[in-house]
């Protein structure tokens, strides 16, 4: 996947949808139900992505039956909520997991595998600008609106295990996910397929190649 460049220096999350519209950025789909026998439910999940050299611009749009947002703060258990995720590696050694629930609580960690993760500091994860269509901050499972959106402006400084100055021309590997472990209908969707017997997103050998324009 080519991640398009947008020529605008200072960007906050609230601007992202308009910028992506004006630059005609097409959606990608998080639609692979890798474990259909046990978890067949496939909500409509799409994302659009671009960059401006110094930050990744990411918009998720989700239409699902139920939503949940019980994580109280950043680096909490957002994967139990209505959650969208980007996992990305720049060196094929360590990868970042950037996980965001429908109310904009974000988990950021880095490491070589599922069991060896270093969580970011509050200041680091707090540098991610967020804009959400859902304004409540915490609630248990309930019927979802027709759709919900999360927009993230992710500066390169949050990639704390790397020394990234500019994204132009960089190659990376990534996968994008939608989950909701404690929703009434749990599901585990991915952008690129994952060929293992049980749900597991922490498998970088299933990531797809991305190139920053």
N, C-alpha and C. Protein backbone atom coordinates (compact mmCIF):
# COMPACT_ATOMS: atom_id res chain seq x y z
N UNK A 1 0.85 -1.19 0.00
CA UNK A 1 0.00 0.00 0.00
C UNK A 1 0.89 1.24 0.00
N UNK A 2 0.58 2.17 -0.88
CA UNK A 2 1.24 3.47 -0.90
C UNK A 2 0.48 4.41 0.03
N UNK A 3 1.18 5.03 0.98
CA UNK A 3 0.57 6.00 1.88
C UNK A 3 0.83 7.39 1.30
N UNK A 4 -0.22 8.07 0.81
CA UNK A 4 -0.02 9.33 0.09
C UNK A 4 0.51 10.45 0.99
N UNK A 5 1.21 11.38 0.35
CA UNK A 5 1.73 12.57 1.02
C UNK A 5 0.75 13.72 0.86
N UNK A 6 0.52 14.44 1.95
CA UNK A 6 -0.29 15.66 1.93
C UNK A 6 0.59 16.82 2.36
N UNK A 7 0.65 17.84 1.53
CA UNK A 7 1.55 18.97 1.77
C UNK A 7 0.89 20.00 2.69
N UNK A 8 0.91 19.71 3.97
CA UNK A 8 0.42 20.64 4.99
C UNK A 8 1.19 20.35 6.27
N UNK A 9 1.78 21.38 6.85
CA UNK A 9 2.71 21.16 7.96
C UNK A 9 2.00 20.87 9.27
N UNK A 10 1.22 21.81 9.76
CA UNK A 10 0.60 21.66 11.07
C UNK A 10 -0.81 21.10 10.90
N UNK A 11 -1.06 19.94 11.48
CA UNK A 11 -2.36 19.27 11.33
C UNK A 11 -2.81 18.76 12.68
N UNK A 12 -4.08 18.99 13.00
CA UNK A 12 -4.69 18.38 14.18
C UNK A 12 -5.75 17.40 13.69
N UNK A 13 -6.13 16.49 14.58
CA UNK A 13 -7.01 15.39 14.17
C UNK A 13 -8.33 15.87 13.60
N UNK A 14 -8.87 16.96 14.13
CA UNK A 14 -10.17 17.44 13.66
C UNK A 14 -10.16 17.83 12.19
N UNK A 15 -8.99 18.09 11.63
CA UNK A 15 -8.88 18.48 10.21
C UNK A 15 -8.78 17.29 9.26
N UNK A 16 -8.55 16.11 9.78
CA UNK A 16 -8.12 15.00 8.94
C UNK A 16 -9.15 14.61 7.89
N UNK A 17 -10.41 14.48 8.28
CA UNK A 17 -11.42 14.05 7.30
C UNK A 17 -11.48 14.99 6.11
N UNK A 18 -11.48 16.29 6.37
CA UNK A 18 -11.54 17.26 5.29
C UNK A 18 -10.30 17.18 4.40
N UNK A 19 -9.13 17.03 5.02
CA UNK A 19 -7.90 16.90 4.24
C UNK A 19 -7.92 15.65 3.36
N UNK A 20 -8.36 14.55 3.91
CA UNK A 20 -8.43 13.31 3.13
C UNK A 20 -9.44 13.42 2.00
N UNK A 21 -10.56 14.08 2.27
CA UNK A 21 -11.56 14.30 1.21
C UNK A 21 -10.97 15.14 0.08
N UNK A 22 -10.34 16.26 0.43
CA UNK A 22 -9.83 17.18 -0.59
C UNK A 22 -8.70 16.57 -1.40
N UNK A 23 -7.98 15.63 -0.80
CA UNK A 23 -6.90 14.96 -1.52
C UNK A 23 -7.34 13.62 -2.12
N UNK A 24 -8.64 13.35 -2.07
CA UNK A 24 -9.24 12.17 -2.69
C UNK A 24 -8.55 10.87 -2.26
N UNK A 25 -8.33 10.75 -0.95
CA UNK A 25 -7.71 9.54 -0.40
C UNK A 25 -8.77 8.44 -0.30
N UNK A 26 -8.53 7.34 -0.95
CA UNK A 26 -9.50 6.24 -0.99
C UNK A 26 -9.42 5.40 0.28
N UNK A 27 -10.54 4.78 0.67
CA UNK A 27 -10.52 3.93 1.86
C UNK A 27 -9.90 2.56 1.60
N UNK A 28 -9.35 2.00 2.66
CA UNK A 28 -8.96 0.60 2.73
C UNK A 28 -9.94 -0.09 3.66
N UNK A 29 -10.03 -1.41 3.59
CA UNK A 29 -11.06 -2.12 4.35
C UNK A 29 -10.43 -3.13 5.32
N UNK A 30 -10.93 -3.10 6.54
CA UNK A 30 -10.55 -4.08 7.56
C UNK A 30 -11.68 -5.09 7.58
N UNK A 31 -11.58 -6.09 6.75
CA UNK A 31 -12.75 -6.95 6.48
C UNK A 31 -12.47 -8.44 6.55
N UNK A 32 -11.25 -8.82 6.91
CA UNK A 32 -10.91 -10.24 6.94
C UNK A 32 -11.27 -10.84 8.29
N UNK A 33 -12.24 -11.74 8.30
CA UNK A 33 -12.59 -12.49 9.51
C UNK A 33 -11.76 -13.78 9.48
N UNK A 34 -10.66 -13.76 10.19
CA UNK A 34 -9.69 -14.85 10.10
C UNK A 34 -10.13 -16.12 10.82
N UNK A 35 -11.11 -16.00 11.71
CA UNK A 35 -11.57 -17.15 12.50
C UNK A 35 -13.09 -17.24 12.40
N UNK A 36 -13.61 -17.49 11.20
CA UNK A 36 -15.05 -17.37 10.96
C UNK A 36 -15.90 -18.41 11.69
N UNK A 37 -15.35 -19.56 12.01
CA UNK A 37 -16.15 -20.57 12.70
C UNK A 37 -16.56 -20.10 14.09
N UNK A 38 -15.64 -19.43 14.78
CA UNK A 38 -15.91 -18.98 16.15
C UNK A 38 -16.33 -17.52 16.20
N UNK A 39 -15.77 -16.70 15.29
CA UNK A 39 -16.03 -15.26 15.30
C UNK A 39 -16.41 -14.80 13.89
N UNK A 40 -17.64 -15.09 13.46
CA UNK A 40 -18.04 -14.79 12.08
C UNK A 40 -18.46 -13.34 11.84
N UNK A 41 -18.77 -12.61 12.92
CA UNK A 41 -19.35 -11.27 12.75
C UNK A 41 -18.35 -10.33 12.08
N UNK A 42 -18.82 -9.63 11.05
CA UNK A 42 -17.95 -8.74 10.27
C UNK A 42 -18.61 -7.37 10.12
N UNK A 43 -18.40 -6.48 11.08
CA UNK A 43 -18.90 -5.12 10.90
C UNK A 43 -18.20 -4.43 9.73
N UNK A 44 -18.78 -3.33 9.28
CA UNK A 44 -18.18 -2.56 8.19
C UNK A 44 -17.12 -1.64 8.79
N UNK A 45 -15.86 -1.88 8.44
CA UNK A 45 -14.75 -1.11 9.00
C UNK A 45 -13.83 -0.70 7.86
N UNK A 46 -13.56 0.58 7.79
CA UNK A 46 -12.67 1.09 6.76
C UNK A 46 -11.75 2.15 7.36
N UNK A 47 -10.62 2.35 6.71
CA UNK A 47 -9.71 3.40 7.17
C UNK A 47 -9.13 4.12 5.96
N UNK A 48 -8.77 5.37 6.21
CA UNK A 48 -8.03 6.15 5.23
C UNK A 48 -6.75 6.64 5.90
N UNK A 49 -5.68 6.69 5.14
CA UNK A 49 -4.38 7.01 5.73
C UNK A 49 -3.57 7.86 4.77
N UNK A 50 -2.83 8.81 5.33
CA UNK A 50 -1.92 9.66 4.57
C UNK A 50 -0.83 10.12 5.54
N UNK A 51 0.09 10.94 5.06
CA UNK A 51 1.11 11.50 5.95
C UNK A 51 1.56 12.85 5.42
N UNK A 52 2.20 13.64 6.27
CA UNK A 52 2.74 14.93 5.84
C UNK A 52 4.24 15.01 6.08
N UNK A 53 4.87 13.86 6.22
CA UNK A 53 6.30 13.81 6.51
C UNK A 53 6.59 13.65 7.98
N UNK A 54 5.93 14.44 8.80
CA UNK A 54 6.19 14.42 10.24
C UNK A 54 5.11 13.73 11.05
N UNK A 55 4.00 13.36 10.42
CA UNK A 55 2.96 12.63 11.14
C UNK A 55 2.13 11.77 10.20
N UNK A 56 1.58 10.71 10.77
CA UNK A 56 0.64 9.85 10.06
C UNK A 56 -0.76 10.34 10.35
N UNK A 57 -1.57 10.46 9.31
CA UNK A 57 -2.95 10.93 9.42
C UNK A 57 -3.86 9.73 9.17
N UNK A 58 -4.67 9.39 10.16
CA UNK A 58 -5.42 8.13 10.10
C UNK A 58 -6.87 8.37 10.51
N UNK A 59 -7.77 7.88 9.68
CA UNK A 59 -9.21 7.98 9.97
C UNK A 59 -9.82 6.59 9.87
N UNK A 60 -10.51 6.18 10.94
CA UNK A 60 -11.28 4.94 10.94
C UNK A 60 -12.76 5.27 10.94
N UNK A 61 -13.53 4.53 10.16
CA UNK A 61 -15.00 4.64 10.16
C UNK A 61 -15.57 3.24 10.36
N UNK A 62 -16.46 3.12 11.36
CA UNK A 62 -16.96 1.80 11.77
C UNK A 62 -18.48 1.82 11.85
N UNK A 63 -19.11 0.80 11.28
CA UNK A 63 -20.54 0.56 11.45
C UNK A 63 -20.68 -0.83 12.07
N UNK A 64 -21.11 -0.87 13.33
CA UNK A 64 -21.25 -2.14 14.04
C UNK A 64 -22.51 -2.11 14.88
N UNK A 65 -22.90 -3.25 15.42
CA UNK A 65 -24.16 -3.35 16.14
C UNK A 65 -24.09 -2.77 17.55
N UNK A 66 -22.95 -2.95 18.22
CA UNK A 66 -22.80 -2.49 19.60
C UNK A 66 -21.48 -1.74 19.74
N UNK A 67 -21.44 -0.85 20.73
CA UNK A 67 -20.20 -0.16 21.06
C UNK A 67 -19.96 -0.25 22.56
N UNK A 68 -18.71 -0.09 22.93
CA UNK A 68 -18.31 -0.14 24.34
C UNK A 68 -17.08 0.72 24.51
N UNK A 69 -16.98 1.44 25.63
CA UNK A 69 -15.80 2.26 25.92
C UNK A 69 -15.64 2.34 27.43
N UNK A 70 -14.99 1.34 28.00
CA UNK A 70 -14.81 1.29 29.45
C UNK A 70 -13.39 1.65 29.90
N UNK A 71 -12.43 1.71 28.99
CA UNK A 71 -11.08 2.11 29.37
C UNK A 71 -11.11 3.54 29.91
N UNK A 72 -10.52 3.75 31.07
CA UNK A 72 -10.61 5.05 31.74
C UNK A 72 -9.54 6.02 31.31
N UNK A 73 -8.43 5.51 30.79
CA UNK A 73 -7.30 6.38 30.46
C UNK A 73 -6.46 5.75 29.37
N UNK A 74 -5.53 6.53 28.83
CA UNK A 74 -4.59 6.01 27.84
C UNK A 74 -3.79 4.85 28.43
N UNK A 75 -3.40 3.95 27.55
CA UNK A 75 -2.66 2.73 27.90
C UNK A 75 -3.47 1.79 28.79
N UNK A 76 -4.80 1.96 28.78
CA UNK A 76 -5.69 1.01 29.43
C UNK A 76 -6.10 -0.09 28.48
N UNK A 77 -7.00 -0.99 28.91
CA UNK A 77 -7.39 -2.16 28.10
C UNK A 77 -8.39 -1.81 27.00
N UNK A 78 -7.97 -0.97 26.07
CA UNK A 78 -8.87 -0.49 25.02
C UNK A 78 -9.32 -1.61 24.08
N UNK A 79 -8.53 -2.69 23.99
CA UNK A 79 -8.89 -3.81 23.11
C UNK A 79 -10.17 -4.51 23.56
N UNK A 80 -10.57 -4.31 24.80
CA UNK A 80 -11.83 -4.88 25.27
C UNK A 80 -13.03 -4.07 24.80
N UNK A 81 -12.78 -2.84 24.36
CA UNK A 81 -13.82 -1.92 23.90
C UNK A 81 -14.00 -2.03 22.39
N UNK A 82 -14.83 -1.15 21.83
CA UNK A 82 -14.88 -0.99 20.37
C UNK A 82 -13.56 -0.35 19.97
N UNK A 83 -12.70 -1.12 19.33
CA UNK A 83 -11.30 -0.73 19.21
C UNK A 83 -10.80 -0.90 17.78
N UNK A 84 -10.05 0.09 17.31
CA UNK A 84 -9.37 0.03 16.02
C UNK A 84 -7.87 0.16 16.27
N UNK A 85 -7.08 -0.50 15.45
CA UNK A 85 -5.66 -0.63 15.77
C UNK A 85 -4.79 -0.56 14.52
N UNK A 86 -3.61 0.04 14.68
CA UNK A 86 -2.55 -0.04 13.68
C UNK A 86 -1.31 -0.62 14.35
N UNK A 87 -0.79 -1.70 13.79
CA UNK A 87 0.49 -2.26 14.22
C UNK A 87 1.47 -1.99 13.08
N UNK A 88 2.67 -1.47 13.42
CA UNK A 88 3.61 -1.08 12.37
C UNK A 88 5.04 -1.29 12.83
N UNK A 89 5.89 -1.80 11.92
CA UNK A 89 7.31 -1.94 12.18
C UNK A 89 8.09 -1.21 11.10
N UNK A 90 9.14 -0.51 11.53
CA UNK A 90 10.02 0.19 10.60
C UNK A 90 11.33 -0.56 10.38
N UNK A 91 11.64 -1.54 11.26
CA UNK A 91 12.92 -2.24 11.16
C UNK A 91 12.80 -3.76 11.15
N UNK A 92 11.57 -4.27 11.17
CA UNK A 92 11.30 -5.71 11.21
C UNK A 92 11.85 -6.39 12.47
N UNK A 93 12.20 -5.60 13.48
CA UNK A 93 12.66 -6.15 14.75
C UNK A 93 11.63 -5.88 15.85
N UNK A 94 11.28 -4.62 16.00
CA UNK A 94 10.26 -4.21 16.95
C UNK A 94 9.09 -3.61 16.19
N UNK A 95 7.91 -3.77 16.73
CA UNK A 95 6.74 -3.16 16.12
C UNK A 95 5.95 -2.40 17.19
N UNK A 96 5.23 -1.39 16.74
CA UNK A 96 4.38 -0.58 17.60
C UNK A 96 2.94 -1.05 17.46
N UNK A 97 2.22 -1.07 18.56
CA UNK A 97 0.77 -1.24 18.50
C UNK A 97 0.12 0.04 19.00
N UNK A 98 -0.66 0.65 18.12
CA UNK A 98 -1.40 1.88 18.42
C UNK A 98 -2.87 1.51 18.37
N UNK A 99 -3.49 1.40 19.53
CA UNK A 99 -4.85 0.90 19.65
C UNK A 99 -5.72 2.01 20.22
N UNK A 100 -6.89 2.22 19.64
CA UNK A 100 -7.74 3.35 20.02
C UNK A 100 -9.19 2.90 20.14
N UNK A 101 -9.83 3.21 21.27
CA UNK A 101 -11.25 2.88 21.37
C UNK A 101 -12.11 3.98 20.77
N UNK A 102 -13.40 3.77 20.75
CA UNK A 102 -14.30 4.68 20.02
C UNK A 102 -14.41 6.06 20.66
N UNK A 103 -13.90 6.21 21.88
CA UNK A 103 -13.92 7.52 22.55
C UNK A 103 -12.55 8.19 22.55
N UNK A 104 -11.56 7.58 21.89
CA UNK A 104 -10.27 8.22 21.73
C UNK A 104 -9.24 7.91 22.79
N UNK A 105 -9.48 6.91 23.63
CA UNK A 105 -8.42 6.45 24.53
C UNK A 105 -7.45 5.58 23.73
N UNK A 106 -6.16 5.85 23.88
CA UNK A 106 -5.14 5.21 23.03
C UNK A 106 -4.16 4.41 23.88
N UNK A 107 -3.82 3.24 23.40
CA UNK A 107 -2.74 2.44 23.96
C UNK A 107 -1.59 2.45 22.96
N UNK A 108 -0.37 2.70 23.46
CA UNK A 108 0.82 2.73 22.61
C UNK A 108 1.92 1.93 23.29
N UNK A 109 2.43 0.92 22.60
CA UNK A 109 3.52 0.10 23.12
C UNK A 109 4.40 -0.35 21.97
N UNK A 110 5.59 -0.86 22.33
CA UNK A 110 6.54 -1.32 21.32
C UNK A 110 7.31 -2.51 21.86
N UNK A 111 7.69 -3.41 20.97
CA UNK A 111 8.49 -4.56 21.35
C UNK A 111 8.55 -5.58 20.23
N UNK A 112 9.27 -6.69 20.45
CA UNK A 112 9.46 -7.68 19.38
C UNK A 112 8.34 -8.69 19.26
N UNK A 113 7.52 -8.85 20.32
CA UNK A 113 6.45 -9.85 20.28
C UNK A 113 5.40 -9.50 21.32
N UNK A 114 4.39 -10.34 21.42
CA UNK A 114 3.27 -10.09 22.33
C UNK A 114 3.71 -9.97 23.79
N UNK A 115 4.67 -10.78 24.21
CA UNK A 115 5.03 -10.88 25.62
C UNK A 115 6.11 -9.91 26.06
N UNK A 116 6.69 -9.20 25.14
CA UNK A 116 7.76 -8.25 25.47
C UNK A 116 7.39 -6.88 24.91
N UNK A 117 6.54 -6.17 25.66
CA UNK A 117 6.06 -4.87 25.22
C UNK A 117 6.54 -3.80 26.20
N UNK A 118 6.99 -2.69 25.67
CA UNK A 118 7.31 -1.51 26.48
C UNK A 118 6.24 -0.47 26.21
N UNK A 119 5.51 -0.10 27.26
CA UNK A 119 4.46 0.89 27.11
C UNK A 119 5.07 2.29 27.04
N UNK A 120 4.43 3.16 26.29
CA UNK A 120 4.88 4.54 26.19
C UNK A 120 4.61 5.28 27.49
N UNK A 121 5.28 6.39 27.67
CA UNK A 121 4.96 7.28 28.78
C UNK A 121 3.63 7.98 28.49
N UNK A 122 2.96 8.49 29.53
CA UNK A 122 1.74 9.27 29.29
C UNK A 122 1.97 10.46 28.36
N UNK A 123 3.15 11.09 28.48
CA UNK A 123 3.44 12.25 27.64
C UNK A 123 3.58 11.84 26.18
N UNK A 124 4.17 10.68 25.95
CA UNK A 124 4.37 10.21 24.58
C UNK A 124 3.05 9.89 23.91
N UNK A 125 2.24 9.04 24.52
CA UNK A 125 0.95 8.70 23.91
C UNK A 125 0.05 9.92 23.85
N UNK A 126 0.23 10.85 24.79
CA UNK A 126 -0.58 12.06 24.79
C UNK A 126 -0.29 13.00 23.63
N UNK A 127 0.83 12.77 22.93
CA UNK A 127 1.17 13.60 21.77
C UNK A 127 0.32 13.26 20.55
N UNK A 128 -0.41 12.15 20.61
CA UNK A 128 -1.30 11.78 19.50
C UNK A 128 -2.57 12.61 19.59
N UNK A 129 -2.84 13.41 18.58
CA UNK A 129 -4.07 14.21 18.51
C UNK A 129 -5.22 13.31 18.08
N UNK A 130 -6.37 13.43 18.77
CA UNK A 130 -7.52 12.58 18.45
C UNK A 130 -8.77 13.43 18.26
N UNK A 131 -9.65 12.97 17.40
CA UNK A 131 -10.99 13.55 17.23
C UNK A 131 -11.95 12.39 17.04
N UNK A 132 -13.03 12.38 17.80
CA UNK A 132 -13.98 11.26 17.75
C UNK A 132 -15.39 11.78 17.53
N UNK A 133 -16.19 10.96 16.88
CA UNK A 133 -17.59 11.33 16.67
C UNK A 133 -18.44 11.05 17.90
N UNK A 134 -17.95 10.21 18.80
CA UNK A 134 -18.66 9.89 20.04
C UNK A 134 -18.09 10.75 21.15
N UNK A 135 -18.93 11.52 21.81
CA UNK A 135 -18.46 12.51 22.78
C UNK A 135 -18.46 12.00 24.21
N UNK A 136 -19.19 10.91 24.50
CA UNK A 136 -19.13 10.34 25.84
C UNK A 136 -17.73 9.80 26.10
N UNK A 137 -17.35 9.72 27.38
CA UNK A 137 -15.99 9.29 27.70
C UNK A 137 -15.90 7.86 28.20
N UNK A 138 -16.99 7.33 28.76
CA UNK A 138 -16.94 5.97 29.29
C UNK A 138 -18.35 5.40 29.36
N UNK A 139 -18.55 4.20 28.83
CA UNK A 139 -19.86 3.55 28.90
C UNK A 139 -19.69 2.07 28.60
N UNK A 140 -20.61 1.27 29.16
CA UNK A 140 -20.62 -0.16 28.90
C UNK A 140 -21.33 -0.43 27.57
N UNK A 141 -21.39 -1.68 27.18
CA UNK A 141 -21.95 -2.04 25.87
C UNK A 141 -23.36 -1.52 25.69
N UNK A 142 -23.61 -0.94 24.51
CA UNK A 142 -24.94 -0.43 24.17
C UNK A 142 -25.08 -0.46 22.65
N UNK A 143 -26.29 -0.22 22.17
CA UNK A 143 -26.51 -0.18 20.73
C UNK A 143 -25.68 0.94 20.11
N UNK A 144 -25.12 0.65 18.97
CA UNK A 144 -24.24 1.61 18.31
C UNK A 144 -25.03 2.58 17.45
N UNK A 145 -24.46 3.78 17.21
CA UNK A 145 -25.04 4.65 16.18
C UNK A 145 -24.82 4.03 14.80
N UNK A 146 -25.36 4.67 13.77
CA UNK A 146 -25.19 4.14 12.42
C UNK A 146 -23.73 3.90 12.08
N UNK A 147 -22.87 4.82 12.51
CA UNK A 147 -21.44 4.65 12.34
C UNK A 147 -20.72 5.55 13.34
N UNK A 148 -19.48 5.24 13.60
CA UNK A 148 -18.65 6.12 14.42
C UNK A 148 -17.28 6.26 13.76
N UNK A 149 -16.62 7.37 14.08
CA UNK A 149 -15.35 7.70 13.45
C UNK A 149 -14.33 8.10 14.50
N UNK A 150 -13.10 7.72 14.26
CA UNK A 150 -11.96 8.17 15.05
C UNK A 150 -10.90 8.67 14.08
N UNK A 151 -10.34 9.84 14.39
CA UNK A 151 -9.27 10.40 13.57
C UNK A 151 -8.05 10.62 14.46
N UNK A 152 -6.90 10.21 13.97
CA UNK A 152 -5.67 10.30 14.75
C UNK A 152 -4.59 11.00 13.93
N UNK A 153 -3.95 12.00 14.53
CA UNK A 153 -2.76 12.62 13.96
C UNK A 153 -1.58 12.14 14.80
N UNK A 154 -0.76 11.28 14.21
CA UNK A 154 0.26 10.53 14.95
C UNK A 154 1.64 11.08 14.58
N UNK A 155 2.26 11.89 15.43
CA UNK A 155 3.57 12.46 15.10
C UNK A 155 4.67 11.41 15.19
N UNK A 156 5.72 11.57 14.41
CA UNK A 156 6.78 10.57 14.40
C UNK A 156 7.50 10.48 15.73
N UNK A 157 7.42 11.50 16.57
CA UNK A 157 8.11 11.46 17.86
C UNK A 157 7.56 10.38 18.78
N UNK A 158 6.35 9.87 18.51
CA UNK A 158 5.80 8.84 19.39
C UNK A 158 6.43 7.47 19.12
N UNK A 159 7.16 7.33 18.04
CA UNK A 159 7.84 6.07 17.74
C UNK A 159 9.15 6.05 18.52
N UNK A 160 9.03 5.80 19.83
CA UNK A 160 10.09 6.09 20.80
C UNK A 160 11.28 5.14 20.71
N UNK A 161 11.14 4.01 20.03
CA UNK A 161 12.26 3.09 19.87
C UNK A 161 13.04 3.33 18.58
N UNK A 162 12.61 4.29 17.79
CA UNK A 162 13.26 4.63 16.53
C UNK A 162 13.64 6.11 16.54
N UNK A 163 14.40 6.49 15.55
CA UNK A 163 14.80 7.90 15.42
C UNK A 163 14.34 8.40 14.06
N UNK A 164 13.03 8.48 13.89
CA UNK A 164 12.45 8.85 12.60
C UNK A 164 12.33 10.37 12.54
N UNK A 165 12.92 10.95 11.52
CA UNK A 165 12.85 12.40 11.32
C UNK A 165 11.83 12.78 10.26
N UNK A 166 11.72 11.95 9.23
CA UNK A 166 10.82 12.26 8.13
C UNK A 166 10.35 10.94 7.50
N UNK A 167 9.06 10.85 7.24
CA UNK A 167 8.49 9.62 6.69
C UNK A 167 8.66 9.48 5.18
N UNK A 168 9.04 10.55 4.50
CA UNK A 168 9.15 10.51 3.03
C UNK A 168 9.99 9.33 2.57
N UNK A 169 9.43 8.50 1.71
CA UNK A 169 10.18 7.42 1.10
C UNK A 169 10.43 6.21 1.97
N UNK A 170 9.98 6.25 3.20
CA UNK A 170 10.23 5.11 4.10
C UNK A 170 9.37 3.91 3.72
N UNK A 171 9.94 2.74 3.92
CA UNK A 171 9.18 1.50 3.79
C UNK A 171 8.96 0.91 5.17
N UNK A 172 7.80 0.35 5.38
CA UNK A 172 7.47 -0.25 6.67
C UNK A 172 6.57 -1.45 6.40
N UNK A 173 6.22 -2.14 7.47
CA UNK A 173 5.24 -3.22 7.38
C UNK A 173 4.20 -2.98 8.45
N UNK A 174 2.92 -3.24 8.10
CA UNK A 174 1.84 -2.88 9.02
C UNK A 174 0.64 -3.80 8.82
N UNK A 175 -0.21 -3.81 9.83
CA UNK A 175 -1.53 -4.38 9.70
C UNK A 175 -2.49 -3.52 10.50
N UNK A 176 -3.75 -3.58 10.13
CA UNK A 176 -4.79 -2.76 10.75
C UNK A 176 -5.91 -3.69 11.21
N UNK A 177 -6.47 -3.37 12.37
CA UNK A 177 -7.40 -4.31 12.99
C UNK A 177 -8.63 -3.62 13.55
N UNK A 178 -9.68 -4.41 13.73
CA UNK A 178 -10.87 -4.02 14.50
C UNK A 178 -11.20 -5.17 15.44
N UNK A 179 -11.39 -4.84 16.72
CA UNK A 179 -11.75 -5.87 17.68
C UNK A 179 -12.69 -5.29 18.73
N UNK A 180 -13.11 -6.14 19.60
CA UNK A 180 -13.99 -5.76 20.70
C UNK A 180 -14.17 -6.98 21.59
N UNK A 181 -13.15 -7.26 22.39
CA UNK A 181 -13.11 -8.53 23.13
C UNK A 181 -14.30 -8.70 24.08
N UNK A 182 -14.79 -7.60 24.64
CA UNK A 182 -15.88 -7.69 25.62
C UNK A 182 -17.20 -7.13 25.09
N UNK A 183 -17.32 -6.97 23.79
CA UNK A 183 -18.59 -6.59 23.20
C UNK A 183 -19.55 -7.78 23.22
N UNK A 184 -20.87 -7.53 23.12
CA UNK A 184 -21.82 -8.65 23.07
C UNK A 184 -21.53 -9.63 21.94
N UNK A 185 -20.98 -9.12 20.84
CA UNK A 185 -20.57 -9.99 19.73
C UNK A 185 -19.07 -9.75 19.47
N UNK A 186 -18.20 -10.48 20.14
CA UNK A 186 -16.76 -10.27 19.92
C UNK A 186 -16.37 -10.54 18.47
N UNK A 187 -15.35 -9.83 18.01
CA UNK A 187 -14.88 -10.03 16.64
C UNK A 187 -13.42 -9.60 16.55
N UNK A 188 -12.75 -10.12 15.53
CA UNK A 188 -11.32 -9.89 15.36
C UNK A 188 -11.04 -9.81 13.86
N UNK A 189 -11.08 -8.60 13.32
CA UNK A 189 -10.91 -8.40 11.88
C UNK A 189 -9.54 -7.80 11.59
N UNK A 190 -9.03 -8.09 10.39
CA UNK A 190 -7.75 -7.53 9.98
C UNK A 190 -7.80 -7.04 8.54
N UNK A 191 -6.85 -6.17 8.23
CA UNK A 191 -6.66 -5.69 6.85
C UNK A 191 -5.98 -6.78 6.03
N UNK A 192 -4.87 -7.30 6.51
CA UNK A 192 -4.18 -8.41 5.87
C UNK A 192 -4.50 -9.71 6.62
N UNK A 193 -4.66 -10.82 5.91
CA UNK A 193 -5.04 -12.08 6.56
C UNK A 193 -4.00 -12.56 7.57
N UNK A 194 -4.50 -13.29 8.57
CA UNK A 194 -3.65 -13.89 9.61
C UNK A 194 -3.96 -15.39 9.63
N UNK A 195 -2.97 -16.19 9.33
CA UNK A 195 -3.19 -17.64 9.20
C UNK A 195 -2.67 -18.39 10.42
N UNK A 196 -3.41 -18.28 11.52
CA UNK A 196 -3.13 -19.04 12.74
C UNK A 196 -4.46 -19.54 13.30
N UNK A 197 -4.45 -20.55 14.17
CA UNK A 197 -5.72 -21.16 14.59
C UNK A 197 -6.61 -20.30 15.47
N UNK A 198 -6.02 -19.38 16.26
CA UNK A 198 -6.80 -18.60 17.23
C UNK A 198 -6.46 -17.13 17.09
N UNK A 199 -7.35 -16.22 17.51
CA UNK A 199 -7.10 -14.79 17.36
C UNK A 199 -5.78 -14.35 17.99
N UNK A 200 -4.97 -13.69 17.19
CA UNK A 200 -3.69 -13.13 17.64
C UNK A 200 -3.25 -12.09 16.63
N UNK A 201 -3.21 -10.83 17.06
CA UNK A 201 -2.78 -9.74 16.18
C UNK A 201 -1.27 -9.50 16.26
N UNK A 202 -0.61 -10.06 17.26
CA UNK A 202 0.81 -9.77 17.49
C UNK A 202 1.70 -10.70 16.67
N UNK A 203 1.50 -10.68 15.36
CA UNK A 203 2.23 -11.58 14.46
C UNK A 203 2.73 -10.77 13.27
N UNK A 204 3.89 -10.11 13.42
CA UNK A 204 4.35 -9.20 12.36
C UNK A 204 4.67 -9.87 11.04
N UNK A 205 4.87 -11.20 11.02
CA UNK A 205 5.15 -11.84 9.73
C UNK A 205 3.91 -11.86 8.84
N UNK A 206 2.75 -11.48 9.38
CA UNK A 206 1.55 -11.34 8.55
C UNK A 206 1.26 -9.89 8.17
N UNK A 207 2.13 -8.97 8.57
CA UNK A 207 1.95 -7.57 8.18
C UNK A 207 2.12 -7.43 6.66
N UNK A 208 1.52 -6.37 6.11
CA UNK A 208 1.69 -6.05 4.70
C UNK A 208 2.64 -4.88 4.51
N UNK A 209 3.25 -4.80 3.34
CA UNK A 209 4.20 -3.71 3.07
C UNK A 209 3.47 -2.40 2.85
N UNK A 210 4.00 -1.34 3.44
CA UNK A 210 3.50 0.02 3.19
C UNK A 210 4.69 0.90 2.82
N UNK A 211 4.44 1.85 1.94
CA UNK A 211 5.48 2.78 1.48
C UNK A 211 4.94 4.18 1.63
N UNK A 212 5.69 5.03 2.33
CA UNK A 212 5.30 6.42 2.50
C UNK A 212 5.78 7.23 1.29
N UNK A 213 4.83 7.77 0.56
CA UNK A 213 5.12 8.53 -0.66
C UNK A 213 6.10 9.67 -0.38
